[in-house]
Amino acid sequence: MPDNELMPNDSTNLVDQKTYDAVRGYIVAAQKQITVAVNSAMVEAYWNIGKRIYEACGECERAAFGIELDPLSQPDAC
């Protein structure tokens, strides 16, 4: 179908292919922006949750398994 050819839609109106493509492009771009915004919000939420748990548990305290796994995380390293 050439770029300037009209195509009928379900309601028997005529739709220009370029117009259809432009509208579809706006929707797809908006969906991508929404995905990025939601992902950013979730990263921030998880960061704040982790920070709150870290502060509530004591900033320099580590579980015994954490000290064994990471020798640099000794209590005096904080």
PDB file of N, CA and C in Angstrom:
ATOM      1  N   MET A   1       0.845  -1.174   0.000  1.00  0.00           N
ATOM      2  CA  MET A   1       0.000   0.000   0.000  1.00  0.00           C
ATOM      3  C   MET A   1       0.895   1.244   0.000  1.00  0.00           C
ATOM      4  N   PRO A   2       0.734   2.132  -0.948  1.00  0.00           N
ATOM      5  CA  PRO A   2       1.532   3.360  -0.975  1.00  0.00           C
ATOM      6  C   PRO A   2       1.256   4.219   0.264  1.00  0.00           C
ATOM      7  N   ASP A   3       2.223   5.079   0.611  1.00  0.00           N
ATOM      8  CA  ASP A   3       2.121   5.901   1.815  1.00  0.00           C
ATOM      9  C   ASP A   3       0.896   6.802   1.833  1.00  0.00           C
ATOM     10  N   ASN A   4       0.484   7.293   0.685  1.00  0.00           N
ATOM     11  CA  ASN A   4      -0.616   8.251   0.664  1.00  0.00           C
ATOM     12  C   ASN A   4      -1.981   7.626   0.381  1.00  0.00           C
ATOM     13  N   GLU A   5      -2.040   6.313   0.289  1.00  0.00           N
ATOM     14  CA  GLU A   5      -3.306   5.653   0.000  1.00  0.00           C
ATOM     15  C   GLU A   5      -4.166   5.604   1.258  1.00  0.00           C
ATOM     16  N   LEU A   6      -5.470   5.762   1.078  1.00  0.00           N
ATOM     17  CA  LEU A   6      -6.397   5.704   2.198  1.00  0.00           C
ATOM     18  C   LEU A   6      -6.866   4.278   2.392  1.00  0.00           C
ATOM     19  N   MET A   7      -7.089   3.909   3.643  1.00  0.00           N
ATOM     20  CA  MET A   7      -7.586   2.570   3.913  1.00  0.00           C
ATOM     21  C   MET A   7      -8.835   2.674   4.777  1.00  0.00           C
ATOM     22  N   PRO A   8      -9.847   1.872   4.499  1.00  0.00           N
ATOM     23  CA  PRO A   8     -11.065   1.932   5.310  1.00  0.00           C
ATOM     24  C   PRO A   8     -10.819   1.298   6.677  1.00  0.00           C
ATOM     25  N   ASN A   9     -11.473   1.864   7.698  1.00  0.00           N
ATOM     26  CA  ASN A   9     -11.416   1.229   9.017  1.00  0.00           C
ATOM     27  C   ASN A   9     -12.769   0.589   9.291  1.00  0.00           C
ATOM     28  N   ASP A  10     -12.970   0.080  10.479  1.00  0.00           N
ATOM     29  CA  ASP A  10     -14.194  -0.669  10.788  1.00  0.00           C
ATOM     30  C   ASP A  10     -15.464   0.171  10.661  1.00  0.00           C
ATOM     31  N   SER A  11     -15.376   1.467  10.927  1.00  0.00           N
ATOM     32  CA  SER A  11     -16.582   2.297  10.885  1.00  0.00           C
ATOM     33  C   SER A  11     -16.793   2.928   9.512  1.00  0.00           C
ATOM     34  N   THR A  12     -16.142   2.408   8.512  1.00  0.00           N
ATOM     35  CA  THR A  12     -16.214   2.863   7.128  1.00  0.00           C
ATOM     36  C   THR A  12     -15.704   4.282   6.914  1.00  0.00           C
ATOM     37  N   ASN A  13     -15.012   4.846   7.879  1.00  0.00           N
ATOM     38  CA  ASN A  13     -14.317   6.117   7.670  1.00  0.00           C
ATOM     39  C   ASN A  13     -12.992   5.819   7.001  1.00  0.00           C
ATOM     40  N   LEU A  14     -12.426   6.823   6.381  1.00  0.00           N
ATOM     41  CA  LEU A  14     -11.145   6.636   5.732  1.00  0.00           C
ATOM     42  C   LEU A  14     -10.036   7.181   6.632  1.00  0.00           C
ATOM     43  N   VAL A  15      -8.961   6.437   6.736  1.00  0.00           N
ATOM     44  CA  VAL A  15      -7.848   6.820   7.593  1.00  0.00           C
ATOM     45  C   VAL A  15      -6.585   6.871   6.753  1.00  0.00           C
ATOM     46  N   ASP A  16      -5.895   7.964   6.832  1.00  0.00           N
ATOM     47  CA  ASP A  16      -4.623   8.112   6.143  1.00  0.00           C
ATOM     48  C   ASP A  16      -3.567   7.288   6.874  1.00  0.00           C
ATOM     49  N   GLN A  17      -2.776   6.512   6.167  1.00  0.00           N
ATOM     50  CA  GLN A  17      -1.784   5.634   6.784  1.00  0.00           C
ATOM     51  C   GLN A  17      -0.758   6.434   7.585  1.00  0.00           C
ATOM     52  N   LYS A  18      -0.355   7.590   7.069  1.00  0.00           N
ATOM     53  CA  LYS A  18       0.619   8.412   7.794  1.00  0.00           C
ATOM     54  C   LYS A  18       0.041   8.899   9.117  1.00  0.00           C
ATOM     55  N   THR A  19      -1.236   9.273   9.113  1.00  0.00           N
ATOM     56  CA  THR A  19      -1.894   9.713  10.348  1.00  0.00           C
ATOM     57  C   THR A  19      -1.959   8.559  11.342  1.00  0.00           C
ATOM     58  N   TYR A  20      -2.348   7.397  10.857  1.00  0.00           N
ATOM     59  CA  TYR A  20      -2.401   6.212  11.709  1.00  0.00           C
ATOM     60  C   TYR A  20      -1.036   5.921  12.312  1.00  0.00           C
ATOM     61  N   ASP A  21      -0.002   5.931  11.480  1.00  0.00           N
ATOM     62  CA  ASP A  21       1.345   5.656  11.967  1.00  0.00           C
ATOM     63  C   ASP A  21       1.793   6.688  12.994  1.00  0.00           C
ATOM     64  N   ALA A  22       1.455   7.955  12.779  1.00  0.00           N
ATOM     65  CA  ALA A  22       1.832   9.008  13.719  1.00  0.00           C
ATOM     66  C   ALA A  22       1.144   8.807  15.064  1.00  0.00           C
ATOM     67  N   VAL A  23      -0.143   8.528  15.030  1.00  0.00           N
ATOM     68  CA  VAL A  23      -0.891   8.315  16.275  1.00  0.00           C
ATOM     69  C   VAL A  23      -0.350   7.090  17.008  1.00  0.00           C
ATOM     70  N   ARG A  24      -0.107   6.040  16.262  1.00  0.00           N
ATOM     71  CA  ARG A  24       0.442   4.828  16.875  1.00  0.00           C
ATOM     72  C   ARG A  24       1.812   5.122  17.489  1.00  0.00           C
ATOM     73  N   GLY A  25       2.612   5.911  16.812  1.00  0.00           N
ATOM     74  CA  GLY A  25       3.925   6.285  17.329  1.00  0.00           C
ATOM     75  C   GLY A  25       3.834   7.053  18.635  1.00  0.00           C
ATOM     76  N   TYR A  26       2.848   7.956  18.742  1.00  0.00           N
ATOM     77  CA  TYR A  26       2.651   8.702  19.989  1.00  0.00           C
ATOM     78  C   TYR A  26       2.316   7.751  21.139  1.00  0.00           C
ATOM     79  N   ILE A  27       1.470   6.788  20.852  1.00  0.00           N
ATOM     80  CA  ILE A  27       1.057   5.835  21.888  1.00  0.00           C
ATOM     81  C   ILE A  27       2.229   4.971  22.330  1.00  0.00           C
ATOM     82  N   VAL A  28       2.991   4.467  21.375  1.00  0.00           N
ATOM     83  CA  VAL A  28       4.143   3.630  21.704  1.00  0.00           C
ATOM     84  C   VAL A  28       5.175   4.423  22.503  1.00  0.00           C
ATOM     85  N   ALA A  29       5.429   5.666  22.109  1.00  0.00           N
ATOM     86  CA  ALA A  29       6.379   6.509  22.845  1.00  0.00           C
ATOM     87  C   ALA A  29       5.900   6.754  24.269  1.00  0.00           C
ATOM     88  N   ALA A  30       4.606   6.997  24.434  1.00  0.00           N
ATOM     89  CA  ALA A  30       4.045   7.220  25.773  1.00  0.00           C
ATOM     90  C   ALA A  30       4.180   5.965  26.630  1.00  0.00           C
ATOM     91  N   GLN A  31       3.950   4.801  26.031  1.00  0.00           N
ATOM     92  CA  GLN A  31       4.093   3.552  26.774  1.00  0.00           C
ATOM     93  C   GLN A  31       5.527   3.359  27.246  1.00  0.00           C
ATOM     94  N   LYS A  32       6.501   3.703  26.414  1.00  0.00           N
ATOM     95  CA  LYS A  32       7.906   3.591  26.806  1.00  0.00           C
ATOM     96  C   LYS A  32       8.224   4.546  27.949  1.00  0.00           C
ATOM     97  N   GLN A  33       7.696   5.765  27.879  1.00  0.00           N
ATOM     98  CA  GLN A  33       7.930   6.736  28.950  1.00  0.00           C
ATOM     99  C   GLN A  33       7.315   6.260  30.260  1.00  0.00           C
ATOM    100  N   ILE A  34       6.145   5.657  30.182  1.00  0.00           N
ATOM    101  CA  ILE A  34       5.493   5.131  31.378  1.00  0.00           C
ATOM    102  C   ILE A  34       6.335   4.020  31.988  1.00  0.00           C
ATOM    103  N   THR A  35       6.862   3.142  31.152  1.00  0.00           N
ATOM    104  CA  THR A  35       7.695   2.043  31.646  1.00  0.00           C
ATOM    105  C   THR A  35       8.915   2.581  32.377  1.00  0.00           C
ATOM    106  N   VAL A  36       9.572   3.564  31.795  1.00  0.00           N
ATOM    107  CA  VAL A  36      10.753   4.158  32.427  1.00  0.00           C
ATOM    108  C   VAL A  36      10.378   4.818  33.745  1.00  0.00           C
ATOM    109  N   ALA A  37       9.276   5.541  33.780  1.00  0.00           N
ATOM    110  CA  ALA A  37       8.850   6.225  35.001  1.00  0.00           C
ATOM    111  C   ALA A  37       8.513   5.232  36.101  1.00  0.00           C
ATOM    112  N   VAL A  38       7.807   4.164  35.750  1.00  0.00           N
ATOM    113  CA  VAL A  38       7.448   3.149  36.744  1.00  0.00           C
ATOM    114  C   VAL A  38       8.698   2.448  37.254  1.00  0.00           C
ATOM    115  N   ASN A  39       9.614   2.103  36.360  1.00  0.00           N
ATOM    116  CA  ASN A  39      10.844   1.455  36.790  1.00  0.00           C
ATOM    117  C   ASN A  39      11.639   2.360  37.724  1.00  0.00           C
ATOM    118  N   SER A  40      11.730   3.641  37.407  1.00  0.00           N
ATOM    119  CA  SER A  40      12.445   4.584  38.261  1.00  0.00           C
ATOM    120  C   SER A  40      11.784   4.683  39.630  1.00  0.00           C
ATOM    121  N   ALA A  41      10.470   4.730  39.653  1.00  0.00           N
ATOM    122  CA  ALA A  41       9.745   4.812  40.917  1.00  0.00           C
ATOM    123  C   ALA A  41       9.959   3.556  41.761  1.00  0.00           C
ATOM    124  N   MET A  42       9.982   2.405  41.115  1.00  0.00           N
ATOM    125  CA  MET A  42      10.198   1.159  41.862  1.00  0.00           C
ATOM    126  C   MET A  42      11.613   1.078  42.410  1.00  0.00           C
ATOM    127  N   VAL A  43      12.600   1.501  41.635  1.00  0.00           N
ATOM    128  CA  VAL A  43      13.984   1.516  42.125  1.00  0.00           C
ATOM    129  C   VAL A  43      14.084   2.425  43.339  1.00  0.00           C
ATOM    130  N   GLU A  44      13.477   3.600  43.265  1.00  0.00           N
ATOM    131  CA  GLU A  44      13.509   4.529  44.398  1.00  0.00           C
ATOM    132  C   GLU A  44      12.797   3.933  45.615  1.00  0.00           C
ATOM    133  N   ALA A  45      11.670   3.277  45.403  1.00  0.00           N
ATOM    134  CA  ALA A  45      10.940   2.658  46.508  1.00  0.00           C
ATOM    135  C   ALA A  45      11.780   1.569  47.172  1.00  0.00           C
ATOM    136  N   TYR A  46      12.387   0.700  46.379  1.00  0.00           N
ATOM    137  CA  TYR A  46      13.216  -0.364  46.945  1.00  0.00           C
ATOM    138  C   TYR A  46      14.431   0.203  47.665  1.00  0.00           C
ATOM    139  N   TRP A  47      15.010   1.259  47.109  1.00  0.00           N
ATOM    140  CA  TRP A  47      16.148   1.920  47.760  1.00  0.00           C
ATOM    141  C   TRP A  47      15.726   2.436  49.133  1.00  0.00           C
ATOM    142  N   ASN A  48      14.592   3.122  49.191  1.00  0.00           N
ATOM    143  CA  ASN A  48      14.115   3.668  50.461  1.00  0.00           C
ATOM    144  C   ASN A  48      13.756   2.574  51.460  1.00  0.00           C
ATOM    145  N   ILE A  49      13.188   1.474  50.986  1.00  0.00           N
ATOM    146  CA  ILE A  49      12.876   0.341  51.864  1.00  0.00           C
ATOM    147  C   ILE A  49      14.163  -0.225  52.457  1.00  0.00           C
ATOM    148  N   GLY A  50      15.156  -0.451  51.608  1.00  0.00           N
ATOM    149  CA  GLY A  50      16.431  -0.979  52.093  1.00  0.00           C
ATOM    150  C   GLY A  50      17.107  -0.040  53.069  1.00  0.00           C
ATOM    151  N   LYS A  51      17.068   1.248  52.769  1.00  0.00           N
ATOM    152  CA  LYS A  51      17.672   2.235  53.660  1.00  0.00           C
ATOM    153  C   LYS A  51      16.982   2.232  55.018  1.00  0.00           C
ATOM    154  N   ARG A  52      15.655   2.175  55.002  1.00  0.00           N
ATOM    155  CA  ARG A  52      14.887   2.180  56.254  1.00  0.00           C
ATOM    156  C   ARG A  52      15.193   0.940  57.090  1.00  0.00           C
ATOM    157  N   ILE A  53      15.265  -0.222  56.445  1.00  0.00           N
ATOM    158  CA  ILE A  53      15.592  -1.458  57.157  1.00  0.00           C
ATOM    159  C   ILE A  53      17.006  -1.372  57.713  1.00  0.00           C
ATOM    160  N   TYR A  54      17.935  -0.879  56.918  1.00  0.00           N
ATOM    161  CA  TYR A  54      19.331  -0.725  57.339  1.00  0.00           C
ATOM    162  C   TYR A  54      19.423   0.171  58.569  1.00  0.00           C
ATOM    163  N   GLU A  55      18.728   1.296  58.545  1.00  0.00           N
ATOM    164  CA  GLU A  55      18.760   2.225  59.676  1.00  0.00           C
ATOM    165  C   GLU A  55      18.077   1.625  60.902  1.00  0.00           C
ATOM    166  N   ALA A  56      16.980   0.886  60.704  1.00  0.00           N
ATOM    167  CA  ALA A  56      16.249   0.291  61.821  1.00  0.00           C
ATOM    168  C   ALA A  56      17.039  -0.826  62.494  1.00  0.00           C
ATOM    169  N   CYS A  57      17.871  -1.509  61.729  1.00  0.00           N
ATOM    170  CA  CYS A  57      18.637  -2.638  62.264  1.00  0.00           C
ATOM    171  C   CYS A  57      19.964  -2.203  62.871  1.00  0.00           C
ATOM    172  N   GLY A  58      20.332  -0.980  62.707  1.00  0.00           N
ATOM    173  CA  GLY A  58      21.630  -0.523  63.199  1.00  0.00           C
ATOM    174  C   GLY A  58      22.569  -0.387  62.022  1.00  0.00           C
ATOM    175  N   GLU A  59      23.086   0.803  61.823  1.00  0.00           N
ATOM    176  CA  GLU A  59      23.841   1.083  60.607  1.00  0.00           C
ATOM    177  C   GLU A  59      25.138   0.301  60.490  1.00  0.00           C
ATOM    178  N   CYS A  60      25.757  -0.026  61.601  1.00  0.00           N
ATOM    179  CA  CYS A  60      27.054  -0.706  61.530  1.00  0.00           C
ATOM    180  C   CYS A  60      26.969  -2.177  61.880  1.00  0.00           C
ATOM    181  N   GLU A  61      25.800  -2.659  62.240  1.00  0.00           N
ATOM    182  CA  GLU A  61      25.670  -4.060  62.616  1.00  0.00           C
ATOM    183  C   GLU A  61      25.534  -4.920  61.368  1.00  0.00           C
ATOM    184  N   ARG A  62      26.217  -6.052  61.396  1.00  0.00           N
ATOM    185  CA  ARG A  62      26.120  -7.000  60.294  1.00  0.00           C
ATOM    186  C   ARG A  62      25.777  -8.366  60.870  1.00  0.00           C
ATOM    187  N   ALA A  63      25.063  -9.132  60.139  1.00  0.00           N
ATOM    188  CA  ALA A  63      24.807 -10.506  60.549  1.00  0.00           C
ATOM    189  C   ALA A  63      26.109 -11.285  60.461  1.00  0.00           C
ATOM    190  N   ALA A  64      26.207 -12.336  61.241  1.00  0.00           N
ATOM    191  CA  ALA A  64      27.440 -13.127  61.275  1.00  0.00           C
ATOM    192  C   ALA A  64      27.798 -13.653  59.885  1.00  0.00           C
ATOM    193  N   PHE A  65      26.815 -14.093  59.131  1.00  0.00           N
ATOM    194  CA  PHE A  65      27.126 -14.611  57.799  1.00  0.00           C
ATOM    195  C   PHE A  65      27.664 -13.513  56.890  1.00  0.00           C
ATOM    196  N   GLY A  66      27.236 -12.285  57.100  1.00  0.00           N
ATOM    197  CA  GLY A  66      27.735 -11.175  56.293  1.00  0.00           C
ATOM    198  C   GLY A  66      29.194 -10.885  56.572  1.00  0.00           C
ATOM    199  N   ILE A  67      29.592 -10.990  57.819  1.00  0.00           N
ATOM    200  CA  ILE A  67      30.990 -10.755  58.176  1.00  0.00           C
ATOM    201  C   ILE A  67      31.863 -11.861  57.606  1.00  0.00           C
ATOM    202  N   GLU A  68      31.368 -13.088  57.679  1.00  0.00           N
ATOM    203  CA  GLU A  68      32.135 -14.207  57.140  1.00  0.00           C
ATOM    204  C   GLU A  68      32.281 -14.111  55.622  1.00  0.00           C
ATOM    205  N   LEU A  69      31.259 -13.655  54.941  1.00  0.00           N
ATOM    206  CA  LEU A  69      31.306 -13.566  53.489  1.00  0.00           C
ATOM    207  C   LEU A  69      32.137 -12.387  53.009  1.00  0.00           C
ATOM    208  N   ASP A  70      32.134 -11.304  53.767  1.00  0.00           N
ATOM    209  CA  ASP A  70      32.831 -10.090  53.355  1.00  0.00           C
ATOM    210  C   ASP A  70      33.770  -9.651  54.470  1.00  0.00           C
ATOM    211  N   PRO A  71      35.037 -10.035  54.404  1.00  0.00           N
ATOM    212  CA  PRO A  71      35.953  -9.684  55.489  1.00  0.00           C
ATOM    213  C   PRO A  71      36.180  -8.173  55.635  1.00  0.00           C
ATOM    214  N   LEU A  72      35.860  -7.390  54.623  1.00  0.00           N
ATOM    215  CA  LEU A  72      36.022  -5.936  54.728  1.00  0.00           C
ATOM    216  C   LEU A  72      34.905  -5.302  55.546  1.00  0.00           C
ATOM    217  N   SER A  73      33.853  -6.036  55.854  1.00  0.00           N
ATOM    218  CA  SER A  73      32.726  -5.455  56.565  1.00  0.00           C
ATOM    219  C   SER A  73      32.840  -5.692  58.068  1.00  0.00           C
ATOM    220  N   GLN A  74      34.009  -5.590  58.613  1.00  0.00           N
ATOM    221  CA  GLN A  74      34.214  -5.706  60.056  1.00  0.00           C
ATOM    222  C   GLN A  74      33.598  -4.488  60.743  1.00  0.00           C
ATOM    223  N   PRO A  75      33.202  -4.625  62.020  1.00  0.00           N
ATOM    224  CA  PRO A  75      32.555  -3.502  62.709  1.00  0.00           C
ATOM    225  C   PRO A  75      33.347  -2.211  62.697  1.00  0.00           C
ATOM    226  N   ASP A  76      34.691  -2.278  62.709  1.00  0.00           N
ATOM    227  CA  ASP A  76      35.479  -1.047  62.710  1.00  0.00           C
ATOM    228  C   ASP A  76      35.543  -0.397  61.317  1.00  0.00           C
ATOM    229  N   ALA A  77      35.050  -1.087  60.289  1.00  0.00           N
ATOM    230  CA  ALA A  77      35.077  -0.537  58.926  1.00  0.00           C
ATOM    231  C   ALA A  77      33.966   0.490  58.720  1.00  0.00           C
ATOM    232  N   CYS A  78      33.011   0.557  59.625  1.00  0.00           N
ATOM    233  CA  CYS A  78      31.878   1.462  59.459  1.00  0.00           C
ATOM    234  C   CYS A  78      32.192   2.820  59.878  1.00  0.00           C
TER     235      CYS A  78
END
